[in-house]
Structure formats: structure tokens, C-alpha cells
Amino acid sequence: MWLSATLWTIVLGTALLLERRSSGLLTALRAAFPTVGLAVVPFLLGAGLGSLQLLGSLSFSESVIRTAEPYQRLVAGGLPFRHLLTLVLPDRYGNPVDGSIGFNYTEGAMYVGILTLVLAAVGTWRRPNRTTVAFLTLGVVGVLAAFGSPFFRVLYATVPGLSRLRGVNRFVLLIDVAVAGLAAV
């Protein structure tokens, strides 16, 4: 929850800055502050309320069996770029029904539907606004993280608890949400 709130705040702030960059950086920052501030206040309130549970959980996290995974092992579990084909061909690399699957189908197949992809492309092209930029940014973050790019190294080093994830391909969820959001625009 906290990660999604943080990502959403970053994406919204970036979209606002990109949208208003023609008017100057200082003016863009002033325009973005109310919206980003509205997104940060609930995050800070939730962080404060949840800090008791979080601090207690963090103190016991070192004694949990699921220890931190080395970066190389996590990246080795990333999806190969050829799996982008599952956006249009869900059973390209196997089907769980007939047992011919060579990867975790629920975490690796990115199929959202052909109509959804068409609507996402049309929404991106016809309505280039800050919501579109936000969903595009979310999709790029999802692609870069799910496929184990060097960008994931930055996330691994900065996001607490990400080293215990044991599945880089779970970032496919961000790709699916981004495509659904672009289709809805």
C-alpha cells in the first residue's frame, strides 16, 4: 500500500511537471505542489498511524525465514524480453491447461486482451494529458522492473523490503494496471 501511494505520488508529480514545463520550472513546481501535497498528506497520515506496527514488524524481520535475496538471484528470475509477446499471444510459451508451461503463468503472462491494447494505444494517442503520462510512467516502471533491467537495481537499493520479494516478474501487475488505465483514458 505504501509503495503504491509513493509510486502514485511520484508519477502524478512527474506528470504535472512535464505538463507545465513550458511555463518554467518554478511555476511548474508551484502548480504541482497542491496536487502532490494532497497525495502526500494521506501517505504521511497512514505512515504515522501504521508506524507502530511497521516498527514492530521491522524489528522481527531479521528472524524471518524469508531472508533477503541477493540482487543477482532476483534479476535471474526476471522475465525475458520475448515474453512481451504474451501481451497479444497469452499461450505463446505454454498453457497451464495442457501442462506445456515453462514459467509461472499467473505472474508471467501479460495478456489483457487485444481490444484493451487497441484502446490503450488510442487513448495514448488521442488524449495526451497528465493521466496518460502517469499511466505511461507506471507502465515503463513495470516493464523495467519485471524484466530485471538496471532500473530494478535502483529500486532494490532504495525500496525497503524489496529484497525479500523473490519474484521480479510480479511487477507485471504494474504493466497490466497501466494498460488498463490507458484504455480507460
N, C-alpha and C. Protein backbone atom coordinates (compact mmCIF):
# COMPACT_ATOMS: atom_id res chain seq x y z
N MET A 1 0.82 -1.19 0.00
CA MET A 1 0.00 0.00 0.00
C MET A 1 0.87 1.25 0.00
N TRP A 2 1.88 1.26 0.86
CA TRP A 2 2.74 2.45 0.94
C TRP A 2 3.53 2.61 -0.34
N LEU A 3 3.98 1.49 -0.90
CA LEU A 3 4.74 1.55 -2.14
C LEU A 3 3.87 2.12 -3.26
N SER A 4 2.62 1.67 -3.33
CA SER A 4 1.75 2.17 -4.39
C SER A 4 1.43 3.65 -4.20
N ALA A 5 1.24 4.09 -2.95
CA ALA A 5 0.99 5.52 -2.70
C ALA A 5 2.21 6.35 -3.07
N THR A 6 3.38 5.86 -2.76
CA THR A 6 4.61 6.58 -3.10
C THR A 6 4.79 6.64 -4.61
N LEU A 7 4.60 5.51 -5.28
CA LEU A 7 4.73 5.49 -6.74
C LEU A 7 3.71 6.41 -7.39
N TRP A 8 2.49 6.39 -6.89
CA TRP A 8 1.45 7.23 -7.48
C TRP A 8 1.78 8.71 -7.29
N THR A 9 2.31 9.08 -6.13
CA THR A 9 2.71 10.46 -5.88
C THR A 9 3.82 10.88 -6.83
N ILE A 10 4.80 10.02 -7.01
CA ILE A 10 5.91 10.32 -7.91
C ILE A 10 5.41 10.46 -9.34
N VAL A 11 4.54 9.56 -9.75
CA VAL A 11 4.02 9.60 -11.12
C VAL A 11 3.18 10.85 -11.36
N LEU A 12 2.31 11.19 -10.41
CA LEU A 12 1.49 12.39 -10.56
C LEU A 12 2.35 13.66 -10.58
N GLY A 13 3.32 13.73 -9.68
CA GLY A 13 4.19 14.90 -9.65
C GLY A 13 4.98 15.05 -10.93
N THR A 14 5.50 13.93 -11.44
CA THR A 14 6.25 13.97 -12.69
C THR A 14 5.36 14.40 -13.85
N ALA A 15 4.15 13.86 -13.89
CA ALA A 15 3.22 14.23 -14.96
C ALA A 15 2.88 15.71 -14.92
N LEU A 16 2.66 16.24 -13.73
CA LEU A 16 2.35 17.67 -13.62
C LEU A 16 3.54 18.53 -14.04
N LEU A 17 4.73 18.14 -13.63
CA LEU A 17 5.91 18.91 -14.02
C LEU A 17 6.13 18.86 -15.52
N LEU A 18 5.92 17.71 -16.13
CA LEU A 18 6.09 17.60 -17.57
C LEU A 18 5.04 18.41 -18.33
N GLU A 19 3.84 18.42 -17.79
CA GLU A 19 2.76 19.14 -18.45
C GLU A 19 2.99 20.66 -18.42
N ARG A 20 3.56 21.14 -17.34
CA ARG A 20 3.70 22.59 -17.18
C ARG A 20 5.14 23.08 -17.33
N ARG A 21 5.99 22.28 -17.90
CA ARG A 21 7.39 22.66 -18.01
C ARG A 21 7.63 23.85 -18.94
N SER A 22 6.70 24.10 -19.88
CA SER A 22 6.88 25.22 -20.80
C SER A 22 6.76 26.56 -20.09
N SER A 23 6.10 26.61 -18.94
CA SER A 23 5.94 27.87 -18.23
C SER A 23 7.08 28.14 -17.25
N GLY A 24 8.07 27.28 -17.21
CA GLY A 24 9.20 27.49 -16.31
C GLY A 24 9.15 26.53 -15.14
N LEU A 25 10.31 26.20 -14.62
CA LEU A 25 10.41 25.21 -13.55
C LEU A 25 9.74 25.69 -12.26
N LEU A 26 10.00 26.93 -11.86
CA LEU A 26 9.43 27.45 -10.61
C LEU A 26 7.91 27.50 -10.68
N THR A 27 7.37 27.95 -11.79
CA THR A 27 5.92 28.00 -11.96
C THR A 27 5.33 26.59 -11.97
N ALA A 28 6.03 25.66 -12.61
CA ALA A 28 5.56 24.27 -12.64
C ALA A 28 5.57 23.67 -11.25
N LEU A 29 6.60 23.94 -10.46
CA LEU A 29 6.67 23.42 -9.09
C LEU A 29 5.54 24.00 -8.23
N ARG A 30 5.26 25.30 -8.40
CA ARG A 30 4.16 25.92 -7.65
C ARG A 30 2.82 25.31 -8.03
N ALA A 31 2.63 25.02 -9.31
CA ALA A 31 1.37 24.43 -9.77
C ALA A 31 1.23 22.99 -9.31
N ALA A 32 2.33 22.26 -9.24
CA ALA A 32 2.28 20.85 -8.86
C ALA A 32 2.17 20.65 -7.35
N PHE A 33 2.57 21.65 -6.57
CA PHE A 33 2.60 21.48 -5.12
C PHE A 33 1.26 21.12 -4.49
N PRO A 34 0.14 21.80 -4.85
CA PRO A 34 -1.14 21.42 -4.22
C PRO A 34 -1.55 19.98 -4.50
N THR A 35 -1.39 19.52 -5.72
CA THR A 35 -1.79 18.15 -6.05
C THR A 35 -0.88 17.14 -5.37
N VAL A 36 0.41 17.36 -5.45
CA VAL A 36 1.35 16.43 -4.81
C VAL A 36 1.17 16.49 -3.30
N GLY A 37 0.94 17.69 -2.77
CA GLY A 37 0.70 17.82 -1.34
C GLY A 37 -0.51 17.04 -0.89
N LEU A 38 -1.58 17.07 -1.70
CA LEU A 38 -2.78 16.30 -1.37
C LEU A 38 -2.50 14.80 -1.39
N ALA A 39 -1.58 14.37 -2.22
CA ALA A 39 -1.23 12.95 -2.27
C ALA A 39 -0.30 12.56 -1.13
N VAL A 40 0.52 13.51 -0.67
CA VAL A 40 1.50 13.21 0.38
C VAL A 40 0.86 13.19 1.76
N VAL A 41 -0.14 14.04 2.00
CA VAL A 41 -0.77 14.13 3.32
C VAL A 41 -1.37 12.79 3.76
N PRO A 42 -2.19 12.12 2.94
CA PRO A 42 -2.70 10.82 3.38
C PRO A 42 -1.57 9.79 3.57
N PHE A 43 -0.54 9.87 2.74
CA PHE A 43 0.59 8.95 2.89
C PHE A 43 1.26 9.17 4.24
N LEU A 44 1.50 10.40 4.62
CA LEU A 44 2.14 10.69 5.90
C LEU A 44 1.23 10.31 7.07
N LEU A 45 -0.06 10.54 6.93
CA LEU A 45 -1.00 10.15 7.97
C LEU A 45 -1.01 8.63 8.14
N GLY A 46 -1.05 7.91 7.03
CA GLY A 46 -1.01 6.45 7.10
C GLY A 46 0.31 5.94 7.66
N ALA A 47 1.41 6.59 7.29
CA ALA A 47 2.72 6.20 7.82
C ALA A 47 2.78 6.40 9.32
N GLY A 48 2.22 7.51 9.77
CA GLY A 48 2.22 7.77 11.21
C GLY A 48 1.37 6.78 11.98
N LEU A 49 0.17 6.49 11.46
CA LEU A 49 -0.71 5.55 12.13
C LEU A 49 -0.18 4.11 12.10
N GLY A 50 0.47 3.77 11.00
CA GLY A 50 0.97 2.41 10.87
C GLY A 50 2.38 2.21 11.40
N SER A 51 3.00 3.28 11.90
CA SER A 51 4.40 3.17 12.32
C SER A 51 4.60 2.19 13.48
N LEU A 52 3.63 2.10 14.39
CA LEU A 52 3.78 1.16 15.50
C LEU A 52 3.86 -0.28 14.99
N GLN A 53 2.98 -0.64 14.10
CA GLN A 53 3.01 -1.99 13.54
C GLN A 53 4.24 -2.19 12.68
N LEU A 54 4.57 -1.19 11.87
CA LEU A 54 5.72 -1.29 10.97
C LEU A 54 7.02 -1.44 11.74
N LEU A 55 7.21 -0.63 12.76
CA LEU A 55 8.46 -0.71 13.53
C LEU A 55 8.58 -2.05 14.26
N GLY A 56 7.46 -2.55 14.78
CA GLY A 56 7.49 -3.88 15.40
C GLY A 56 7.81 -4.97 14.41
N SER A 57 7.22 -4.88 13.23
CA SER A 57 7.49 -5.88 12.18
C SER A 57 8.92 -5.81 11.70
N LEU A 58 9.46 -4.60 11.56
CA LEU A 58 10.84 -4.46 11.11
C LEU A 58 11.82 -5.03 12.13
N SER A 59 11.52 -4.92 13.42
CA SER A 59 12.44 -5.45 14.42
C SER A 59 12.51 -6.98 14.37
N PHE A 60 11.42 -7.62 13.95
CA PHE A 60 11.42 -9.07 13.86
C PHE A 60 11.74 -9.59 12.46
N SER A 61 11.90 -8.71 11.49
CA SER A 61 12.09 -9.15 10.11
C SER A 61 13.39 -9.91 9.89
N GLU A 62 14.39 -9.66 10.70
CA GLU A 62 15.66 -10.37 10.53
C GLU A 62 15.57 -11.83 10.96
N SER A 63 14.61 -12.16 11.81
CA SER A 63 14.49 -13.55 12.27
C SER A 63 13.53 -14.37 11.41
N VAL A 64 12.99 -13.79 10.36
CA VAL A 64 12.08 -14.49 9.47
C VAL A 64 12.87 -15.40 8.54
N ILE A 65 12.30 -16.53 8.20
CA ILE A 65 12.98 -17.49 7.33
C ILE A 65 13.22 -16.88 5.96
N ARG A 66 12.29 -16.10 5.47
CA ARG A 66 12.44 -15.48 4.15
C ARG A 66 13.42 -14.31 4.27
N THR A 67 14.67 -14.62 4.07
CA THR A 67 15.70 -13.60 4.18
C THR A 67 15.86 -12.87 2.85
N ALA A 68 16.65 -11.84 2.89
CA ALA A 68 16.87 -11.03 1.69
C ALA A 68 17.56 -11.85 0.61
N GLU A 69 17.07 -11.70 -0.59
CA GLU A 69 17.65 -12.38 -1.74
C GLU A 69 18.77 -11.53 -2.33
N PRO A 70 19.85 -12.14 -2.75
CA PRO A 70 20.89 -11.37 -3.44
C PRO A 70 20.33 -10.79 -4.75
N TYR A 71 20.82 -9.65 -5.14
CA TYR A 71 20.33 -8.96 -6.33
C TYR A 71 20.43 -9.85 -7.57
N GLN A 72 21.54 -10.53 -7.76
CA GLN A 72 21.74 -11.35 -8.96
C GLN A 72 20.70 -12.47 -9.04
N ARG A 73 20.33 -13.03 -7.91
CA ARG A 73 19.34 -14.11 -7.91
C ARG A 73 17.95 -13.58 -8.28
N LEU A 74 17.62 -12.39 -7.78
CA LEU A 74 16.33 -11.79 -8.13
C LEU A 74 16.25 -11.46 -9.62
N VAL A 75 17.32 -10.87 -10.15
CA VAL A 75 17.33 -10.49 -11.56
C VAL A 75 17.29 -11.72 -12.45
N ALA A 76 17.89 -12.80 -12.00
CA ALA A 76 17.86 -14.05 -12.78
C ALA A 76 16.42 -14.56 -12.93
N GLY A 77 15.54 -14.20 -11.99
CA GLY A 77 14.14 -14.62 -12.07
C GLY A 77 13.28 -13.67 -12.89
N GLY A 78 13.88 -12.64 -13.45
CA GLY A 78 13.12 -11.70 -14.27
C GLY A 78 12.69 -12.34 -15.57
N LEU A 79 11.69 -11.75 -16.17
CA LEU A 79 11.17 -12.28 -17.43
C LEU A 79 12.10 -11.91 -18.59
N PRO A 80 12.25 -12.80 -19.56
CA PRO A 80 12.98 -12.41 -20.77
C PRO A 80 12.12 -11.47 -21.62
N PHE A 81 12.76 -10.61 -22.40
CA PHE A 81 12.00 -9.62 -23.19
C PHE A 81 11.08 -10.27 -24.22
N ARG A 82 11.37 -11.50 -24.58
CA ARG A 82 10.49 -12.19 -25.54
C ARG A 82 9.09 -12.41 -24.96
N HIS A 83 8.95 -12.32 -23.63
CA HIS A 83 7.65 -12.50 -23.00
C HIS A 83 6.72 -11.32 -23.23
N LEU A 84 7.21 -10.25 -23.85
CA LEU A 84 6.31 -9.18 -24.25
C LEU A 84 5.28 -9.67 -25.26
N LEU A 85 5.60 -10.77 -25.94
CA LEU A 85 4.64 -11.36 -26.89
C LEU A 85 3.37 -11.84 -26.19
N THR A 86 3.46 -12.11 -24.87
CA THR A 86 2.26 -12.57 -24.17
C THR A 86 1.22 -11.46 -24.02
N LEU A 87 1.57 -10.23 -24.39
CA LEU A 87 0.56 -9.17 -24.43
C LEU A 87 -0.49 -9.45 -25.50
N VAL A 88 -0.08 -10.12 -26.59
CA VAL A 88 -1.03 -10.42 -27.66
C VAL A 88 -1.26 -11.93 -27.84
N LEU A 89 -0.31 -12.74 -27.40
CA LEU A 89 -0.42 -14.20 -27.51
C LEU A 89 -0.20 -14.82 -26.13
N PRO A 90 -1.25 -14.98 -25.34
CA PRO A 90 -1.06 -15.42 -23.96
C PRO A 90 -0.45 -16.81 -23.82
N ASP A 91 -0.72 -17.70 -24.75
CA ASP A 91 -0.22 -19.08 -24.64
C ASP A 91 1.01 -19.33 -25.50
N ARG A 92 1.74 -18.30 -25.84
CA ARG A 92 2.91 -18.44 -26.72
C ARG A 92 3.98 -19.33 -26.11
N TYR A 93 4.15 -19.25 -24.80
CA TYR A 93 5.21 -20.02 -24.14
C TYR A 93 4.66 -21.11 -23.24
N GLY A 94 3.48 -21.56 -23.52
CA GLY A 94 2.90 -22.67 -22.78
C GLY A 94 1.52 -22.35 -22.26
N ASN A 95 0.81 -23.41 -21.90
CA ASN A 95 -0.55 -23.30 -21.43
C ASN A 95 -0.69 -24.15 -20.17
N PRO A 96 -1.20 -23.61 -19.09
CA PRO A 96 -1.32 -24.40 -17.87
C PRO A 96 -2.34 -25.53 -17.97
N VAL A 97 -3.28 -25.45 -18.90
CA VAL A 97 -4.30 -26.48 -19.03
C VAL A 97 -3.71 -27.79 -19.56
N ASP A 98 -2.87 -27.69 -20.60
CA ASP A 98 -2.31 -28.92 -21.15
C ASP A 98 -0.94 -29.25 -20.56
N GLY A 99 -0.46 -28.48 -19.60
CA GLY A 99 0.80 -28.80 -18.91
C GLY A 99 2.06 -28.45 -19.67
N SER A 100 1.96 -27.69 -20.74
CA SER A 100 3.13 -27.37 -21.55
C SER A 100 3.73 -26.02 -21.16
N ILE A 101 3.71 -25.73 -19.89
CA ILE A 101 4.15 -24.41 -19.45
C ILE A 101 5.56 -24.47 -18.88
N GLY A 102 6.36 -23.46 -19.18
CA GLY A 102 7.73 -23.43 -18.72
C GLY A 102 8.01 -22.28 -17.77
N PHE A 103 6.97 -21.56 -17.33
CA PHE A 103 7.16 -20.43 -16.41
C PHE A 103 5.90 -20.29 -15.57
N ASN A 104 5.93 -19.43 -14.57
CA ASN A 104 4.77 -19.18 -13.73
C ASN A 104 3.76 -18.36 -14.54
N TYR A 105 2.75 -19.02 -15.01
CA TYR A 105 1.79 -18.41 -15.94
C TYR A 105 1.07 -17.21 -15.32
N THR A 106 0.66 -17.33 -14.06
CA THR A 106 -0.10 -16.25 -13.45
C THR A 106 0.74 -15.01 -13.22
N GLU A 107 2.05 -15.15 -13.09
CA GLU A 107 2.91 -14.00 -12.87
C GLU A 107 3.66 -13.57 -14.13
N GLY A 108 3.61 -14.37 -15.17
CA GLY A 108 4.41 -14.06 -16.35
C GLY A 108 3.63 -13.70 -17.60
N ALA A 109 2.40 -14.17 -17.70
CA ALA A 109 1.60 -13.85 -18.89
C ALA A 109 0.97 -12.48 -18.69
N MET A 110 1.17 -11.60 -19.64
CA MET A 110 0.71 -10.22 -19.51
C MET A 110 -0.53 -9.93 -20.33
N TYR A 111 -1.22 -10.94 -20.77
CA TYR A 111 -2.36 -10.76 -21.68
C TYR A 111 -3.48 -9.99 -21.00
N VAL A 112 -3.90 -8.89 -21.61
CA VAL A 112 -5.01 -8.09 -21.11
C VAL A 112 -6.14 -8.01 -22.12
N GLY A 113 -5.91 -8.54 -23.31
CA GLY A 113 -6.92 -8.52 -24.36
C GLY A 113 -6.51 -7.60 -25.49
N ILE A 114 -6.84 -8.01 -26.70
CA ILE A 114 -6.49 -7.22 -27.88
C ILE A 114 -7.23 -5.89 -27.89
N LEU A 115 -8.52 -5.92 -27.56
CA LEU A 115 -9.31 -4.69 -27.53
C LEU A 115 -8.74 -3.71 -26.51
N THR A 116 -8.31 -4.22 -25.36
CA THR A 116 -7.71 -3.36 -24.34
C THR A 116 -6.44 -2.71 -24.86
N LEU A 117 -5.61 -3.46 -25.58
CA LEU A 117 -4.38 -2.89 -26.15
C LEU A 117 -4.70 -1.82 -27.19
N VAL A 118 -5.71 -2.07 -28.00
CA VAL A 118 -6.10 -1.08 -29.02
C VAL A 118 -6.62 0.18 -28.33
N LEU A 119 -7.47 0.02 -27.32
CA LEU A 119 -7.99 1.18 -26.59
C LEU A 119 -6.88 1.94 -25.88
N ALA A 120 -5.88 1.23 -25.36
CA ALA A 120 -4.75 1.88 -24.70
C ALA A 120 -3.94 2.70 -25.70
N ALA A 121 -3.73 2.15 -26.89
CA ALA A 121 -2.99 2.88 -27.93
C ALA A 121 -3.77 4.12 -28.37
N VAL A 122 -5.08 3.96 -28.57
CA VAL A 122 -5.90 5.10 -28.97
C VAL A 122 -5.94 6.15 -27.86
N GLY A 123 -6.08 5.72 -26.62
CA GLY A 123 -6.11 6.66 -25.50
C GLY A 123 -4.80 7.41 -25.35
N THR A 124 -3.70 6.74 -25.60
CA THR A 124 -2.39 7.39 -25.51
C THR A 124 -2.23 8.42 -26.62
N TRP A 125 -2.69 8.08 -27.80
CA TRP A 125 -2.51 8.95 -28.95
C TRP A 125 -3.49 10.12 -28.95
N ARG A 126 -4.75 9.86 -28.57
CA ARG A 126 -5.79 10.88 -28.67
C ARG A 126 -5.86 11.82 -27.47
N ARG A 127 -5.45 11.35 -26.31
CA ARG A 127 -5.56 12.17 -25.10
C ARG A 127 -4.24 12.23 -24.34
N PRO A 128 -3.29 12.97 -24.85
CA PRO A 128 -2.01 13.07 -24.14
C PRO A 128 -2.09 14.10 -23.00
N ASN A 129 -2.68 13.69 -21.87
CA ASN A 129 -2.76 14.57 -20.72
C ASN A 129 -1.95 13.98 -19.56
N ARG A 130 -2.06 14.56 -18.39
CA ARG A 130 -1.23 14.10 -17.28
C ARG A 130 -1.62 12.70 -16.80
N THR A 131 -2.87 12.33 -16.94
CA THR A 131 -3.26 10.97 -16.58
C THR A 131 -2.60 9.97 -17.52
N THR A 132 -2.56 10.29 -18.78
CA THR A 132 -1.89 9.43 -19.75
C THR A 132 -0.41 9.29 -19.42
N VAL A 133 0.23 10.41 -19.12
CA VAL A 133 1.65 10.38 -18.76
C VAL A 133 1.86 9.56 -17.49
N ALA A 134 0.95 9.68 -16.52
CA ALA A 134 1.07 8.92 -15.28
C ALA A 134 0.99 7.41 -15.55
N PHE A 135 0.03 6.99 -16.36
CA PHE A 135 -0.09 5.56 -16.67
C PHE A 135 1.06 5.07 -17.54
N LEU A 136 1.53 5.90 -18.45
CA LEU A 136 2.70 5.52 -19.25
C LEU A 136 3.93 5.34 -18.36
N THR A 137 4.11 6.24 -17.41
CA THR A 137 5.23 6.13 -16.48
C THR A 137 5.11 4.86 -15.64
N LEU A 138 3.91 4.57 -15.17
CA LEU A 138 3.68 3.34 -14.40
C LEU A 138 4.01 2.12 -15.24
N GLY A 139 3.62 2.13 -16.51
CA GLY A 139 3.92 1.01 -17.40
C GLY A 139 5.41 0.84 -17.65
N VAL A 140 6.10 1.96 -17.83
CA VAL A 140 7.55 1.89 -18.06
C VAL A 140 8.26 1.35 -16.82
N VAL A 141 7.84 1.82 -15.63
CA VAL A 141 8.42 1.29 -14.39
C VAL A 141 8.17 -0.20 -14.28
N GLY A 142 6.95 -0.63 -14.61
CA GLY A 142 6.63 -2.06 -14.57
C GLY A 142 7.46 -2.88 -15.53
N VAL A 143 7.64 -2.39 -16.75
CA VAL A 143 8.44 -3.11 -17.74
C VAL A 143 9.90 -3.19 -17.30
N LEU A 144 10.44 -2.06 -16.87
CA LEU A 144 11.84 -2.05 -16.46
C LEU A 144 12.11 -2.94 -15.25
N ALA A 145 11.16 -2.98 -14.33
CA ALA A 145 11.35 -3.80 -13.14
C ALA A 145 11.08 -5.28 -13.42
N ALA A 146 10.03 -5.60 -14.15
CA ALA A 146 9.67 -7.00 -14.39
C ALA A 146 10.71 -7.75 -15.21
N PHE A 147 11.41 -7.03 -16.06
CA PHE A 147 12.39 -7.68 -16.92
C PHE A 147 13.80 -7.60 -16.35
N GLY A 148 13.93 -7.10 -15.11
CA GLY A 148 15.22 -7.11 -14.43
C GLY A 148 16.25 -6.17 -15.03
N SER A 149 15.82 -5.00 -15.49
CA SER A 149 16.74 -4.03 -16.08
C SER A 149 17.58 -3.37 -14.98
N PRO A 150 18.58 -2.58 -15.35
CA PRO A 150 19.36 -1.86 -14.33
C PRO A 150 18.51 -0.93 -13.46
N PHE A 151 17.36 -0.50 -13.95
CA PHE A 151 16.46 0.32 -13.14
C PHE A 151 16.02 -0.43 -11.89
N PHE A 152 15.87 -1.75 -12.01
CA PHE A 152 15.48 -2.54 -10.84
C PHE A 152 16.55 -2.47 -9.76
N ARG A 153 17.81 -2.31 -10.15
CA ARG A 153 18.91 -2.17 -9.17
C ARG A 153 18.66 -0.96 -8.28
N VAL A 154 18.18 0.14 -8.89
CA VAL A 154 17.87 1.34 -8.12
C VAL A 154 16.72 1.06 -7.14
N LEU A 155 15.68 0.40 -7.62
CA LEU A 155 14.56 0.04 -6.75
C LEU A 155 15.02 -0.89 -5.63
N TYR A 156 15.86 -1.85 -5.97
CA TYR A 156 16.36 -2.82 -4.99
C TYR A 156 17.14 -2.12 -3.88
N ALA A 157 17.89 -1.10 -4.24
CA ALA A 157 18.72 -0.39 -3.26
C ALA A 157 17.92 0.62 -2.44
N THR A 158 16.82 1.12 -2.95
CA THR A 158 16.12 2.21 -2.27
C THR A 158 14.80 1.82 -1.61
N VAL A 159 14.09 0.83 -2.12
CA VAL A 159 12.79 0.48 -1.57
C VAL A 159 12.97 -0.57 -0.47
N PRO A 160 12.61 -0.24 0.76
CA PRO A 160 12.78 -1.20 1.86
C PRO A 160 11.90 -2.44 1.65
N GLY A 161 12.46 -3.59 1.90
CA GLY A 161 11.73 -4.85 1.81
C GLY A 161 11.66 -5.46 0.43
N LEU A 162 12.09 -4.75 -0.59
CA LEU A 162 12.03 -5.28 -1.95
C LEU A 162 12.96 -6.47 -2.14
N SER A 163 14.01 -6.53 -1.35
CA SER A 163 14.95 -7.64 -1.47
C SER A 163 14.32 -8.96 -1.02
N ARG A 164 13.21 -8.91 -0.34
CA ARG A 164 12.53 -10.14 0.12
C ARG A 164 11.41 -10.57 -0.82
N LEU A 165 11.30 -9.94 -1.96
CA LEU A 165 10.19 -10.17 -2.88
C LEU A 165 10.19 -11.56 -3.50
N ARG A 166 11.35 -12.05 -3.90
CA ARG A 166 11.51 -13.37 -4.53
C ARG A 166 10.69 -13.54 -5.80
N GLY A 167 10.57 -12.51 -6.57
CA GLY A 167 9.86 -12.62 -7.82
C GLY A 167 9.77 -11.29 -8.54
N VAL A 168 10.78 -10.97 -9.31
CA VAL A 168 10.78 -9.71 -10.05
C VAL A 168 9.63 -9.67 -11.03
N ASN A 169 9.24 -10.83 -11.55
CA ASN A 169 8.18 -10.86 -12.54
C ASN A 169 6.83 -10.43 -11.96
N ARG A 170 6.72 -10.24 -10.67
CA ARG A 170 5.46 -9.77 -10.08
C ARG A 170 5.17 -8.31 -10.43
N PHE A 171 6.16 -7.62 -10.96
CA PHE A 171 5.95 -6.25 -11.41
C PHE A 171 5.11 -6.20 -12.68
N VAL A 172 4.76 -7.36 -13.23
CA VAL A 172 3.87 -7.42 -14.39
C VAL A 172 2.52 -6.79 -14.03
N LEU A 173 2.17 -6.84 -12.77
CA LEU A 173 0.93 -6.21 -12.32
C LEU A 173 0.90 -4.73 -12.67
N LEU A 174 2.04 -4.04 -12.53
CA LEU A 174 2.09 -2.62 -12.89
C LEU A 174 1.84 -2.41 -14.38
N ILE A 175 2.34 -3.32 -15.20
CA ILE A 175 2.11 -3.23 -16.64
C ILE A 175 0.62 -3.39 -16.95
N ASP A 176 0.00 -4.37 -16.32
CA ASP A 176 -1.42 -4.61 -16.54
C ASP A 176 -2.28 -3.43 -16.09
N VAL A 177 -1.95 -2.86 -14.94
CA VAL A 177 -2.69 -1.69 -14.45
C VAL A 177 -2.51 -0.50 -15.39
N ALA A 178 -1.28 -0.32 -15.88
CA ALA A 178 -1.01 0.80 -16.80
C ALA A 178 -1.79 0.65 -18.10
N VAL A 179 -1.82 -0.55 -18.65
CA VAL A 179 -2.55 -0.76 -19.91
C VAL A 179 -4.05 -0.57 -19.69
N ALA A 180 -4.57 -1.07 -18.57
CA ALA A 180 -5.99 -0.88 -18.27
C ALA A 180 -6.31 0.61 -18.07
N GLY A 181 -5.43 1.33 -17.39
CA GLY A 181 -5.65 2.76 -17.19
C GLY A 181 -5.60 3.54 -18.50
N LEU A 182 -4.66 3.20 -19.37
CA LEU A 182 -4.58 3.87 -20.67
C LEU A 182 -5.80 3.57 -21.52
N ALA A 183 -6.32 2.36 -21.42
CA ALA A 183 -7.53 2.00 -22.16
C ALA A 183 -8.74 2.79 -21.64
N ALA A 184 -8.73 3.07 -20.35
CA ALA A 184 -9.86 3.80 -19.76
C ALA A 184 -9.82 5.29 -20.05
N VAL A 185 -8.62 5.80 -20.37
CA VAL A 185 -8.49 7.24 -20.67
C VAL A 185 -9.26 7.52 -21.93
